[in-house]
Amino acid sequence: MVANALTIAGSDSGGGAGIQADLKAFSAMGIYGASVVTAVTAQNTKAVTAIHPIPDDVVVAQIKTVLDDIRIDAIKIGMLGTPSLIEAVADALNGYEGPIVLDPVMVAKSGDTLLEDSAIAALKSSLFRRATLLTPNLPEAAKLVGDGSLHAQAKALLHLGVGAVLMKGGHADGEVCTDHLVSPTGRHEFSAQRVNTRNTHGTGCSYSSAIAAGLAQGMALNDAVSRAHAWLHQAILQADKLHVGQGHGPVHHFHAFWT
């Protein structure tokens, strides 16, 4: 039986991140993807030029309509721009008992802000306790819990109620990138050689969605992260085979299928 997953996130008109990246990752992992659009962005590989938030009630209607009809085996949550939307999404997911991967999208690859500072408190109070996994990069972790060692930040995030934290190391220095999966029961590291490419648009969205796909398929969290990590590394390695835009291009979601 093919698993189903739902992404709740913003749309990227350039196709490299957001809903578009999530659905590509779901498809690459062999599952069916449904989507709830939280915002429409005018975006390409160079910049975000406009953001139009979808009204909270329309976002809620999308969630309820999907869940009323389609068996959803896992949910990935991405861009939620305002406190009211975060609270509305949390309310709409009351009763959902499947795994939730929360990617705290704050800044686009171009540097444009996607999450209002006022929304960070709402994110922590309304959604963290619902999250099976939180997937911050190092700058996002610092904005959520302040500066400190990686493990101190992960411990602080766990203290806020998330089930586990994947501390993504792509922003760290060095030739090797290491991601740290931290849960109350243990820690695991996933390392890969840093790839010399500027085509990394949508890596966070794609990674979190690939993990959600594994959870939807019934994989243990460690296994879902391990598979997603290996897949994303190949997607970055082969990103230069695509020729999309003049800035930060997308990763190659379908590297295993396109020749």
Protein backbone atom coordinates (compact mmCIF):
# COMPACT_ATOMS: atom_id res chain seq x y z
CA MET A 1 0.00 0.00 0.00
CA VAL A 2 1.35 3.40 -0.97
CA ALA A 3 1.66 5.77 1.99
CA ASN A 4 0.17 9.27 2.00
CA ALA A 5 1.78 12.39 3.46
CA LEU A 6 0.62 15.99 3.80
CA THR A 7 2.76 19.09 3.55
CA ILE A 8 1.59 22.34 5.15
CA ALA A 9 3.84 25.06 3.78
CA GLY A 10 4.28 28.03 1.48
CA SER A 11 4.44 27.91 -2.30
CA ASP A 12 7.68 28.71 -4.16
CA SER A 13 6.95 29.95 -7.67
CA GLY A 14 10.49 28.98 -8.69
CA GLY A 15 9.80 25.36 -7.79
CA GLY A 16 12.91 24.76 -5.68
CA ALA A 17 11.62 25.01 -2.12
CA GLY A 18 8.36 25.03 -0.16
CA ILE A 19 5.35 23.00 -1.26
CA GLN A 20 6.93 22.24 -4.61
CA ALA A 21 10.08 20.76 -3.06
CA ASP A 22 8.03 18.84 -0.51
CA LEU A 23 5.88 17.16 -3.16
CA LYS A 24 8.96 16.31 -5.25
CA ALA A 25 10.61 14.74 -2.20
CA PHE A 26 7.47 12.75 -1.40
CA SER A 27 7.35 11.47 -4.98
CA ALA A 28 11.06 10.59 -4.98
CA MET A 29 10.50 8.56 -1.81
CA GLY A 30 7.60 6.68 -3.38
CA ILE A 31 4.64 8.15 -1.51
CA TYR A 32 1.56 10.17 -2.44
CA GLY A 33 1.62 13.81 -1.44
CA ALA A 34 -1.23 16.14 -0.50
CA SER A 35 -0.67 19.84 0.19
CA VAL A 36 -2.00 22.77 2.19
CA VAL A 37 -0.75 26.16 0.95
CA THR A 38 -0.06 28.68 3.73
CA ALA A 39 1.36 31.48 1.58
CA VAL A 40 2.05 32.30 -2.05
CA THR A 41 5.50 33.71 -2.71
CA ALA A 42 6.88 35.41 -5.79
CA GLN A 43 10.25 33.73 -5.71
CA ASN A 44 13.07 32.58 -7.95
CA THR A 45 16.62 31.39 -7.38
CA LYS A 46 17.78 34.93 -6.56
CA ALA A 47 15.16 36.50 -4.30
CA VAL A 48 11.72 36.52 -2.74
CA THR A 49 9.99 39.57 -4.20
CA ALA A 50 6.52 39.20 -2.65
CA ILE A 51 4.72 37.14 -0.01
CA HIS A 52 0.94 36.82 0.10
CA PRO A 53 -0.30 34.96 3.21
CA ILE A 54 -3.33 32.74 2.73
CA PRO A 55 -6.10 33.66 5.22
CA ASP A 56 -6.05 31.51 8.34
CA ASP A 57 -9.57 30.19 7.78
CA VAL A 58 -8.68 29.06 4.25
CA VAL A 59 -5.60 27.23 5.55
CA VAL A 60 -7.72 25.53 8.21
CA ALA A 61 -10.34 24.58 5.61
CA GLN A 62 -7.62 22.95 3.49
CA ILE A 63 -6.34 20.92 6.44
CA LYS A 64 -9.76 19.76 7.56
CA THR A 65 -10.87 18.90 4.04
CA VAL A 66 -7.79 16.76 3.42
CA LEU A 67 -7.97 14.98 6.77
CA ASP A 68 -11.72 14.36 6.40
CA ASP A 69 -11.14 12.30 3.26
CA ILE A 70 -7.55 11.11 2.89
CA ARG A 71 -5.64 8.81 5.24
CA ILE A 72 -2.57 10.85 6.11
CA ASP A 73 0.30 8.75 7.43
CA ALA A 74 2.62 11.68 8.27
CA ILE A 75 2.61 15.48 8.13
CA LYS A 76 5.42 17.87 7.33
CA ILE A 77 4.96 21.50 8.44
CA GLY A 78 7.03 24.26 6.88
CA MET A 79 6.43 27.98 6.41
CA LEU A 80 3.96 29.48 8.89
CA GLY A 81 4.46 33.22 8.90
CA THR A 82 2.30 34.62 11.71
CA PRO A 83 1.29 33.77 15.29
CA SER A 84 -2.39 33.52 14.38
CA LEU A 85 -1.67 31.05 11.56
CA ILE A 86 0.52 28.90 13.80
CA GLU A 87 -2.25 28.70 16.40
CA ALA A 88 -4.88 28.01 13.74
CA VAL A 89 -2.84 25.14 12.29
CA ALA A 90 -2.25 23.69 15.75
CA ASP A 91 -6.00 23.77 16.44
CA ALA A 92 -6.81 22.22 13.06
CA LEU A 93 -4.47 19.30 13.82
CA ASN A 94 -6.17 18.44 17.13
CA GLY A 95 -7.04 14.78 16.93
CA TYR A 96 -4.36 13.90 14.40
CA GLU A 97 -2.21 11.18 15.94
CA GLY A 98 0.35 10.47 13.22
CA PRO A 99 3.96 11.67 13.10
CA ILE A 100 4.64 15.36 12.44
CA VAL A 101 7.94 16.73 11.15
CA LEU A 102 8.25 20.45 11.89
CA ASP A 103 10.75 22.46 9.84
CA PRO A 104 11.00 25.93 11.44
CA VAL A 105 11.40 27.86 8.19
CA MET A 106 12.65 31.35 9.05
CA VAL A 107 14.86 32.60 6.23
CA ALA A 108 14.97 31.79 2.52
CA LYS A 109 18.23 30.77 0.83
CA SER A 110 18.31 34.28 -0.65
CA GLY A 111 18.34 35.74 2.89
CA ASP A 112 14.72 36.96 2.84
CA THR A 113 12.82 36.61 6.13
CA LEU A 114 9.91 34.13 6.01
CA LEU A 115 8.90 34.03 9.68
CA GLU A 116 8.02 37.09 11.75
CA ASP A 117 9.95 37.36 15.03
CA SER A 118 6.62 37.57 16.86
CA ALA A 119 5.72 34.13 15.53
CA ILE A 120 8.63 32.34 17.19
CA ALA A 121 6.96 32.30 20.62
CA ALA A 122 3.74 30.97 19.09
CA LEU A 123 5.68 28.25 17.28
CA LYS A 124 7.24 27.09 20.54
CA SER A 125 4.04 27.24 22.58
CA SER A 126 1.56 25.84 20.05
CA LEU A 127 3.36 23.32 17.84
CA PHE A 128 6.52 22.05 19.51
CA ARG A 129 4.66 19.57 21.70
CA ARG A 130 2.95 18.18 18.61
CA ALA A 131 6.20 17.59 16.73
CA THR A 132 7.70 14.13 16.43
CA LEU A 133 10.80 15.77 14.99
CA LEU A 134 12.07 19.36 14.76
CA THR A 135 14.62 20.06 12.00
CA PRO A 136 16.41 23.39 12.64
CA ASN A 137 19.64 24.46 11.03
CA LEU A 138 22.18 26.11 13.32
CA PRO A 139 21.00 29.74 12.79
CA GLU A 140 17.39 28.66 13.35
CA ALA A 141 18.31 26.84 16.56
CA ALA A 142 20.04 29.99 17.81
CA LYS A 143 16.94 32.08 17.10
CA LEU A 144 14.77 29.55 18.92
CA VAL A 145 16.80 29.01 22.10
CA GLY A 146 19.78 31.39 21.94
CA ASP A 147 23.47 30.78 21.45
CA GLY A 148 25.26 27.84 22.99
CA SER A 149 26.78 24.49 22.13
CA LEU A 150 24.91 22.31 19.68
CA HIS A 151 24.01 19.79 22.35
CA ALA A 152 22.91 22.49 24.80
CA GLN A 153 20.61 23.92 22.12
CA ALA A 154 19.22 20.46 21.35
CA LYS A 155 18.57 19.83 25.06
CA ALA A 156 16.77 23.17 25.34
CA LEU A 157 14.60 22.33 22.34
CA LEU A 158 13.72 18.93 23.80
CA HIS A 159 12.80 20.68 27.03
CA LEU A 160 10.23 22.68 25.03
CA GLY A 161 8.42 19.46 24.20
CA VAL A 162 9.51 18.21 20.78
CA GLY A 163 9.95 14.47 20.48
CA ALA A 164 13.38 14.67 18.87
CA VAL A 165 15.62 17.28 17.24
CA LEU A 166 17.69 17.02 14.08
CA MET A 167 20.37 19.69 14.34
CA LYS A 168 21.45 20.25 10.73
CA GLY A 169 25.11 21.10 10.32
CA GLY A 170 25.22 22.57 6.83
CA HIS A 171 25.97 26.06 8.17
CA ALA A 172 28.95 24.88 10.20
CA ASP A 173 32.53 25.17 8.95
CA GLY A 174 34.62 22.30 7.65
CA GLU A 175 34.82 19.88 4.76
CA VAL A 176 32.40 17.45 6.44
CA CYS A 177 28.80 18.32 7.28
CA THR A 178 27.37 16.49 10.28
CA ASP A 179 23.73 16.38 11.33
CA HIS A 180 22.92 15.38 14.91
CA LEU A 181 19.71 13.53 15.75
CA VAL A 182 19.04 14.02 19.44
CA SER A 183 16.20 12.43 21.39
CA PRO A 184 15.59 11.67 25.06
CA THR A 185 16.90 8.15 24.46
CA GLY A 186 20.07 8.80 22.48
CA ARG A 187 22.06 10.59 19.81
CA HIS A 188 23.03 9.67 16.27
CA GLU A 189 25.30 11.43 13.79
CA PHE A 190 24.95 11.56 10.00
CA SER A 191 27.96 12.91 8.12
CA ALA A 192 28.75 13.63 4.49
CA GLN A 193 31.45 15.43 2.56
CA ARG A 194 30.59 19.05 1.85
CA VAL A 195 29.65 19.56 -1.81
CA ASN A 196 31.05 22.53 -3.71
CA THR A 197 27.87 23.85 -5.33
CA ARG A 198 25.68 26.91 -4.96
CA ASN A 199 22.61 24.86 -5.98
CA THR A 200 21.24 24.11 -2.52
CA HIS A 201 17.89 25.91 -2.68
CA GLY A 202 15.24 23.89 -0.87
CA THR A 203 17.55 21.55 1.01
CA GLY A 204 15.77 22.00 4.34
CA CYS A 205 12.31 21.56 2.86
CA SER A 206 13.38 18.51 0.88
CA TYR A 207 15.20 16.89 3.81
CA SER A 208 12.32 17.26 6.26
CA SER A 209 9.84 15.97 3.67
CA ALA A 210 11.99 12.94 2.87
CA ILE A 211 12.10 12.16 6.60
CA ALA A 212 8.32 12.55 6.84
CA ALA A 213 8.00 10.16 3.91
CA GLY A 214 9.96 7.52 5.79
CA LEU A 215 7.81 7.95 8.88
CA ALA A 216 4.69 7.67 6.71
CA GLN A 217 6.05 4.36 5.42
CA GLY A 218 6.45 3.08 8.97
CA MET A 219 10.21 3.48 9.30
CA ALA A 220 11.81 4.11 12.67
CA LEU A 221 12.94 7.72 13.09
CA ASN A 222 16.66 6.92 12.94
CA ASP A 223 16.17 4.91 9.74
CA ALA A 224 14.00 7.59 8.16
CA VAL A 225 16.64 10.24 8.84
CA SER A 226 19.45 7.99 7.60
CA ARG A 227 17.71 7.30 4.29
CA ALA A 228 16.72 10.94 3.81
CA HIS A 229 20.27 12.10 4.60
CA ALA A 230 21.79 9.77 1.98
CA TRP A 231 19.18 10.75 -0.61
CA LEU A 232 19.67 14.48 -0.03
CA HIS A 233 23.45 14.16 -0.30
CA GLN A 234 23.03 12.63 -3.74
CA ALA A 235 20.46 15.28 -4.66
CA ILE A 236 23.04 17.97 -3.81
CA LEU A 237 25.89 16.11 -5.53
CA GLN A 238 23.90 15.99 -8.76
CA ALA A 239 22.26 19.42 -8.49
CA ASP A 240 24.59 20.92 -11.10
CA LYS A 241 23.07 18.61 -13.74
CA LEU A 242 20.03 20.88 -13.59
CA HIS A 243 20.14 24.36 -15.07
CA VAL A 244 17.52 26.34 -13.16
CA GLY A 245 17.97 30.06 -12.66
CA GLN A 246 20.97 32.31 -12.11
CA GLY A 247 21.18 32.21 -8.31
CA HIS A 248 20.88 29.37 -5.80
CA GLY A 249 19.37 26.60 -7.92
CA PRO A 250 17.44 23.60 -6.57
CA VAL A 251 18.74 20.21 -5.59
CA HIS A 252 18.08 17.31 -7.95
CA HIS A 253 15.13 15.55 -6.34
CA PHE A 254 14.85 12.93 -9.11
CA HIS A 255 18.53 12.08 -9.49
CA ALA A 256 17.69 8.38 -9.18
CA PHE A 257 15.17 8.50 -12.03
CA TRP A 258 16.34 11.08 -14.58
CA THR A 259 19.25 10.34 -16.90
